[in-house]
């Protein structure tokens, strides 16, 4: 995945574990990935790894919204994901 995406996945997994251990039933998480060409169709491997890190800690992706923006550092894609505890 790459150093930055690995670190983001580890942090997402850590936060998901904490929310699960706290007894939360819903987790809303924002994932951000740099995108060199937002018009291209391609796998978002960094995002996939982060979502998998959350799901591996007892959560299931329920809903997702995406947005795209430009900042001084370049184009970014953000996914806002709603996870629910696995039954």
N, C-alpha and C. Protein backbone atom coordinates (compact mmCIF):
# COMPACT_ATOMS: atom_id res chain seq x y z
N UNK A 1 0.81 -1.20 0.00
CA UNK A 1 0.00 0.00 0.00
C UNK A 1 0.85 1.26 0.00
N UNK A 2 1.98 1.21 0.60
CA UNK A 2 2.78 2.42 0.74
C UNK A 2 2.78 2.88 2.18
N UNK A 3 3.85 3.57 2.56
CA UNK A 3 4.04 3.98 3.95
C UNK A 3 2.87 4.82 4.48
N UNK A 4 2.47 5.83 3.75
CA UNK A 4 1.41 6.73 4.24
C UNK A 4 0.09 6.00 4.35
N UNK A 5 -0.27 5.22 3.32
CA UNK A 5 -1.53 4.49 3.38
C UNK A 5 -1.51 3.42 4.46
N UNK A 6 -0.37 2.78 4.69
CA UNK A 6 -0.25 1.81 5.78
C UNK A 6 -0.49 2.48 7.13
N UNK A 7 0.09 3.65 7.32
CA UNK A 7 -0.09 4.39 8.57
C UNK A 7 -1.54 4.80 8.75
N UNK A 8 -2.18 5.24 7.67
CA UNK A 8 -3.60 5.61 7.75
C UNK A 8 -4.47 4.40 8.08
N UNK A 9 -4.16 3.25 7.49
CA UNK A 9 -4.92 2.04 7.77
C UNK A 9 -4.74 1.61 9.22
N UNK A 10 -3.52 1.70 9.74
CA UNK A 10 -3.29 1.35 11.14
C UNK A 10 -4.07 2.26 12.08
N UNK A 11 -4.09 3.56 11.77
CA UNK A 11 -4.84 4.51 12.60
C UNK A 11 -6.34 4.24 12.53
N UNK A 12 -6.84 3.96 11.32
CA UNK A 12 -8.28 3.66 11.17
C UNK A 12 -8.64 2.41 11.96
N UNK A 13 -7.79 1.39 11.88
CA UNK A 13 -8.04 0.16 12.64
C UNK A 13 -8.04 0.41 14.13
N UNK A 14 -7.10 1.23 14.58
CA UNK A 14 -7.01 1.57 16.01
C UNK A 14 -8.27 2.29 16.48
N UNK A 15 -8.71 3.27 15.71
CA UNK A 15 -9.93 4.02 16.07
C UNK A 15 -11.16 3.12 16.04
N UNK A 16 -11.22 2.22 15.07
CA UNK A 16 -12.36 1.30 14.97
C UNK A 16 -12.40 0.37 16.18
N UNK A 17 -11.24 -0.13 16.59
CA UNK A 17 -11.16 -0.99 17.77
C UNK A 17 -11.64 -0.25 19.01
N UNK A 18 -11.19 1.01 19.16
CA UNK A 18 -11.59 1.82 20.32
C UNK A 18 -13.11 2.02 20.35
N UNK A 19 -13.68 2.35 19.20
CA UNK A 19 -15.13 2.57 19.15
C UNK A 19 -15.88 1.28 19.46
N UNK A 20 -15.39 0.16 18.95
CA UNK A 20 -16.03 -1.12 19.21
C UNK A 20 -15.94 -1.45 20.70
N UNK A 21 -14.76 -1.26 21.28
CA UNK A 21 -14.56 -1.55 22.70
C UNK A 21 -15.40 -0.63 23.59
N UNK A 22 -15.68 0.59 23.10
CA UNK A 22 -16.53 1.52 23.85
C UNK A 22 -18.00 1.16 23.77
N UNK A 23 -18.34 0.19 22.93
CA UNK A 23 -19.73 -0.23 22.79
C UNK A 23 -20.52 0.60 21.79
N UNK A 24 -19.83 1.40 20.98
CA UNK A 24 -20.53 2.19 19.96
C UNK A 24 -21.19 1.27 18.95
N UNK A 25 -22.33 1.69 18.41
CA UNK A 25 -23.03 0.92 17.40
C UNK A 25 -22.86 1.51 16.01
N UNK A 26 -22.42 2.76 15.93
CA UNK A 26 -22.21 3.45 14.66
C UNK A 26 -20.85 4.13 14.71
N UNK A 27 -20.14 4.05 13.59
CA UNK A 27 -18.86 4.73 13.44
C UNK A 27 -18.88 5.47 12.12
N UNK A 28 -18.65 6.77 12.16
CA UNK A 28 -18.54 7.57 10.94
C UNK A 28 -17.07 7.96 10.81
N UNK A 29 -16.50 7.66 9.65
CA UNK A 29 -15.06 7.87 9.46
C UNK A 29 -14.83 8.56 8.13
N UNK A 30 -13.91 9.52 8.12
CA UNK A 30 -13.55 10.24 6.90
C UNK A 30 -12.19 9.74 6.42
N UNK A 31 -12.16 9.26 5.20
CA UNK A 31 -10.93 8.81 4.57
C UNK A 31 -10.56 9.81 3.48
N UNK A 32 -9.29 10.18 3.40
CA UNK A 32 -8.83 11.12 2.37
C UNK A 32 -7.68 10.47 1.61
N UNK A 33 -7.75 10.53 0.29
CA UNK A 33 -6.68 9.98 -0.54
C UNK A 33 -6.28 10.99 -1.60
N UNK A 34 -4.98 11.15 -1.77
CA UNK A 34 -4.48 12.00 -2.86
C UNK A 34 -4.80 11.32 -4.17
N UNK A 35 -5.09 12.12 -5.16
CA UNK A 35 -5.48 11.59 -6.46
C UNK A 35 -4.77 12.41 -7.53
N UNK A 36 -3.92 11.75 -8.30
CA UNK A 36 -3.16 12.50 -9.30
C UNK A 36 -4.01 12.84 -10.52
N UNK A 37 -5.03 12.06 -10.77
CA UNK A 37 -5.91 12.35 -11.91
C UNK A 37 -7.32 11.92 -11.55
N UNK A 38 -8.12 12.84 -11.09
CA UNK A 38 -9.45 12.52 -10.60
C UNK A 38 -10.38 12.05 -11.71
N UNK A 39 -10.00 12.25 -12.96
CA UNK A 39 -10.86 11.84 -14.07
C UNK A 39 -10.63 10.39 -14.47
N UNK A 40 -9.56 9.79 -13.96
CA UNK A 40 -9.23 8.42 -14.34
C UNK A 40 -10.03 7.41 -13.52
N UNK A 41 -10.33 6.30 -14.13
CA UNK A 41 -10.96 5.19 -13.44
C UNK A 41 -9.86 4.23 -13.02
N UNK A 42 -9.77 3.96 -11.73
CA UNK A 42 -8.70 3.10 -11.22
C UNK A 42 -9.02 2.67 -9.80
N UNK A 43 -8.42 1.58 -9.35
CA UNK A 43 -8.62 1.16 -7.97
C UNK A 43 -8.11 2.22 -6.99
N UNK A 44 -8.78 2.36 -5.90
CA UNK A 44 -8.35 3.27 -4.83
C UNK A 44 -7.80 2.38 -3.72
N UNK A 45 -6.60 1.87 -3.93
CA UNK A 45 -6.04 0.87 -3.02
C UNK A 45 -5.83 1.40 -1.62
N UNK A 46 -5.46 2.67 -1.49
CA UNK A 46 -5.28 3.25 -0.16
C UNK A 46 -6.58 3.28 0.61
N UNK A 47 -7.65 3.67 -0.06
CA UNK A 47 -8.97 3.70 0.58
C UNK A 47 -9.42 2.29 0.95
N UNK A 48 -9.21 1.35 0.02
CA UNK A 48 -9.64 -0.03 0.28
C UNK A 48 -8.96 -0.59 1.52
N UNK A 49 -7.67 -0.34 1.65
CA UNK A 49 -6.94 -0.84 2.81
C UNK A 49 -7.45 -0.25 4.12
N UNK A 50 -7.79 1.03 4.07
CA UNK A 50 -8.29 1.68 5.28
C UNK A 50 -9.68 1.16 5.66
N UNK A 51 -10.54 0.98 4.66
CA UNK A 51 -11.88 0.43 4.92
C UNK A 51 -11.76 -0.99 5.46
N UNK A 52 -10.87 -1.79 4.89
CA UNK A 52 -10.65 -3.15 5.38
C UNK A 52 -10.15 -3.15 6.82
N UNK A 53 -9.33 -2.18 7.17
CA UNK A 53 -8.82 -2.09 8.54
C UNK A 53 -9.96 -1.85 9.52
N UNK A 54 -10.92 -1.03 9.14
CA UNK A 54 -12.09 -0.79 10.00
C UNK A 54 -12.96 -2.04 10.07
N UNK A 55 -13.26 -2.62 8.90
CA UNK A 55 -14.14 -3.79 8.88
C UNK A 55 -13.54 -4.98 9.62
N UNK A 56 -12.24 -5.09 9.68
CA UNK A 56 -11.61 -6.22 10.37
C UNK A 56 -11.71 -6.09 11.89
N UNK A 57 -12.25 -4.97 12.35
CA UNK A 57 -12.42 -4.76 13.79
C UNK A 57 -13.88 -4.78 14.21
N UNK A 58 -14.71 -5.53 13.47
CA UNK A 58 -16.09 -5.76 13.89
C UNK A 58 -17.12 -4.84 13.26
N UNK A 59 -16.74 -4.07 12.26
CA UNK A 59 -17.65 -3.12 11.62
C UNK A 59 -17.96 -3.55 10.19
N UNK A 60 -19.10 -3.07 9.67
CA UNK A 60 -19.49 -3.33 8.30
C UNK A 60 -19.90 -2.01 7.66
N UNK A 61 -19.33 -1.73 6.49
CA UNK A 61 -19.66 -0.49 5.78
C UNK A 61 -21.14 -0.51 5.42
N UNK A 62 -21.85 0.53 5.80
CA UNK A 62 -23.28 0.61 5.56
C UNK A 62 -23.61 1.63 4.47
N UNK A 63 -23.03 2.82 4.56
CA UNK A 63 -23.28 3.88 3.59
C UNK A 63 -21.98 4.64 3.35
N UNK A 64 -21.91 5.27 2.17
CA UNK A 64 -20.70 6.02 1.84
C UNK A 64 -21.08 7.20 0.95
N UNK A 65 -20.40 8.33 1.15
CA UNK A 65 -20.54 9.50 0.29
C UNK A 65 -19.13 9.93 -0.11
N UNK A 66 -19.00 10.45 -1.31
CA UNK A 66 -17.68 10.87 -1.80
C UNK A 66 -17.72 12.33 -2.21
N UNK A 67 -16.58 12.98 -2.04
CA UNK A 67 -16.44 14.34 -2.55
C UNK A 67 -15.02 14.52 -3.04
N UNK A 68 -14.85 15.50 -3.88
CA UNK A 68 -13.56 15.75 -4.48
C UNK A 68 -13.25 17.23 -4.31
N UNK A 69 -12.01 17.53 -4.03
CA UNK A 69 -11.65 18.93 -3.87
C UNK A 69 -10.20 19.17 -4.21
N UNK A 70 -9.89 20.44 -4.37
CA UNK A 70 -8.50 20.82 -4.64
C UNK A 70 -8.03 21.69 -3.49
N UNK A 71 -6.87 21.38 -2.99
CA UNK A 71 -6.23 22.17 -1.95
C UNK A 71 -4.88 22.60 -2.49
N UNK A 72 -4.15 23.33 -1.70
CA UNK A 72 -2.81 23.75 -2.13
C UNK A 72 -1.91 22.56 -2.45
N UNK A 73 -2.18 21.44 -1.84
CA UNK A 73 -1.34 20.26 -2.03
C UNK A 73 -1.81 19.39 -3.19
N UNK A 74 -2.87 19.74 -3.88
CA UNK A 74 -3.34 18.95 -5.03
C UNK A 74 -4.73 18.43 -4.82
N UNK A 75 -5.15 17.58 -5.75
CA UNK A 75 -6.49 17.03 -5.70
C UNK A 75 -6.61 15.98 -4.60
N UNK A 76 -7.76 15.97 -3.98
CA UNK A 76 -8.03 15.01 -2.91
C UNK A 76 -9.42 14.44 -3.12
N UNK A 77 -9.57 13.19 -2.77
CA UNK A 77 -10.86 12.53 -2.75
C UNK A 77 -11.14 12.17 -1.31
N UNK A 78 -12.32 12.50 -0.83
CA UNK A 78 -12.71 12.16 0.54
C UNK A 78 -13.92 11.24 0.50
N UNK A 79 -13.86 10.19 1.29
CA UNK A 79 -15.00 9.31 1.47
C UNK A 79 -15.46 9.43 2.91
N UNK A 80 -16.72 9.71 3.09
CA UNK A 80 -17.32 9.71 4.42
C UNK A 80 -18.09 8.40 4.51
N UNK A 81 -17.67 7.54 5.43
CA UNK A 81 -18.23 6.20 5.52
C UNK A 81 -18.95 5.99 6.85
N UNK A 82 -20.12 5.42 6.75
CA UNK A 82 -20.90 5.05 7.93
C UNK A 82 -20.77 3.55 8.11
N UNK A 83 -20.22 3.15 9.23
CA UNK A 83 -20.08 1.74 9.57
C UNK A 83 -21.03 1.41 10.69
N UNK A 84 -21.54 0.20 10.67
CA UNK A 84 -22.37 -0.32 11.77
C UNK A 84 -21.71 -1.58 12.30
N UNK A 85 -21.94 -1.84 13.58
CA UNK A 85 -21.38 -3.06 14.19
C UNK A 85 -21.91 -4.27 13.46
N UNK A 86 -21.05 -5.24 13.29
CA UNK A 86 -21.52 -6.50 12.70
C UNK A 86 -22.46 -7.19 13.69
N UNK A 87 -23.52 -7.79 13.15
CA UNK A 87 -24.46 -8.48 14.06
C UNK A 87 -23.84 -9.70 14.72
